[in-house]
Amino acid sequence: MEIENWKNSENALVREFIFENQTKLAEFVLLVARYSDGVNHHADMQISESRKLRLSITTHDENGLTQLDFDWANGLNERIK
C-alpha cells in the first residue's frame, strides 16, 4: 500500500519536510504531537540542519508496518493539506 508523499523504508513509513524557519518547524512538531496523542500512535521525529524534519512511523510492538501506520500517515496528510 502506498501513501501520498510517504516512502516505505526499513519497515517504516518515512516523510521529510523542510520549513522556512525553526518556528514553523516547531509549530508543525506540536501539530504532529497533538495528533499522535489523540490517536495514541506516535512517530519518531528527527530534526536536522535547524529546519528539516524526518518523520518515521512504524508499529514497534509488531516490528514493522501495520494498518495503524498507514491510517496514521493518511490522517496526518489530511490535517496538513
Protein backbone atom coordinates (compact mmCIF):
# COMPACT_ATOMS: atom_id res chain seq x y z
CA MET A 1 0.00 0.00 0.00
CA GLU A 2 1.32 3.44 -0.91
CA ILE A 3 0.58 6.69 0.86
CA GLU A 4 0.94 10.02 -0.93
CA ASN A 5 4.30 11.70 -0.12
CA TRP A 6 5.47 8.82 2.13
CA LYS A 7 8.21 6.29 1.38
CA ASN A 8 8.28 2.75 2.68
CA SER A 9 11.76 2.46 4.19
CA GLU A 10 13.11 -0.24 6.51
CA ASN A 11 9.69 -1.40 7.76
CA ALA A 12 8.52 2.15 8.38
CA LEU A 13 6.75 4.91 6.52
CA VAL A 14 9.01 7.95 6.17
CA ARG A 15 8.36 11.52 5.11
CA GLU A 16 10.67 14.52 5.16
CA PHE A 17 9.76 18.18 5.48
CA ILE A 18 11.75 21.40 5.13
CA PHE A 19 10.43 24.55 6.81
CA GLU A 20 11.29 28.18 6.21
CA ASN A 21 12.39 28.61 9.85
CA GLN A 22 12.53 26.87 13.23
CA THR A 23 9.32 28.48 14.44
CA LYS A 24 7.34 26.90 11.58
CA LEU A 25 9.06 23.57 12.27
CA ALA A 26 8.19 23.79 16.00
CA GLU A 27 4.55 24.59 15.22
CA PHE A 28 4.38 21.55 12.94
CA VAL A 29 6.00 19.29 15.55
CA LEU A 30 3.31 20.40 18.01
CA LEU A 31 0.60 19.60 15.46
CA VAL A 32 2.10 16.12 14.95
CA ALA A 33 2.39 15.56 18.71
CA ARG A 34 -1.23 16.56 19.35
CA TYR A 35 -2.47 14.36 16.51
CA SER A 36 -0.34 11.44 17.72
CA ASP A 37 -1.54 11.79 21.31
CA GLY A 38 -5.11 11.89 20.08
CA VAL A 39 -4.82 8.59 18.22
CA ASN A 40 -2.30 7.08 20.67
CA HIS A 41 0.19 6.20 17.92
CA HIS A 42 3.46 8.13 17.74
CA ALA A 43 6.05 8.75 15.05
CA ASP A 44 9.77 9.06 15.57
CA MET A 45 10.88 12.60 14.75
CA GLN A 46 14.36 13.67 13.75
CA ILE A 47 15.29 17.34 13.33
CA SER A 48 18.42 18.30 11.42
CA GLU A 49 20.02 21.41 9.98
CA SER A 50 17.69 23.53 12.15
CA ARG A 51 14.69 23.35 9.82
CA LYS A 52 14.46 19.81 8.43
CA LEU A 53 12.15 17.20 9.94
CA ARG A 54 12.07 13.48 9.22
CA LEU A 55 9.02 11.54 10.42
CA SER A 56 9.14 7.77 10.66
CA ILE A 57 6.09 5.75 11.68
CA THR A 58 6.08 2.03 12.48
CA THR A 59 4.42 -0.26 14.99
CA HIS A 60 7.26 -1.16 17.34
CA ASP A 61 5.27 -3.92 19.08
CA GLU A 62 4.90 -5.68 15.70
CA ASN A 63 8.44 -4.91 14.48
CA GLY A 64 7.12 -3.37 11.30
CA LEU A 65 4.26 -1.75 9.48
CA THR A 66 0.62 -2.36 10.38
CA GLN A 67 -2.66 -0.76 9.33
CA LEU A 68 -2.21 1.68 12.24
CA ASP A 69 0.80 3.20 10.48
CA PHE A 70 -1.00 3.65 7.17
CA ASP A 71 -4.00 5.15 8.95
CA TRP A 72 -1.72 7.48 10.91
CA ALA A 73 0.08 8.70 7.76
CA ASN A 74 -3.22 9.22 5.91
CA GLY A 75 -4.62 11.08 8.90
CA LEU A 76 -1.62 13.39 9.06
CA ASN A 77 -1.84 14.03 5.32
CA GLU A 78 -5.48 15.09 5.80
CA ARG A 79 -4.52 17.52 8.57
CA ILE A 80 -1.80 19.27 6.59
CA LYS A 81 -3.50 19.72 3.21
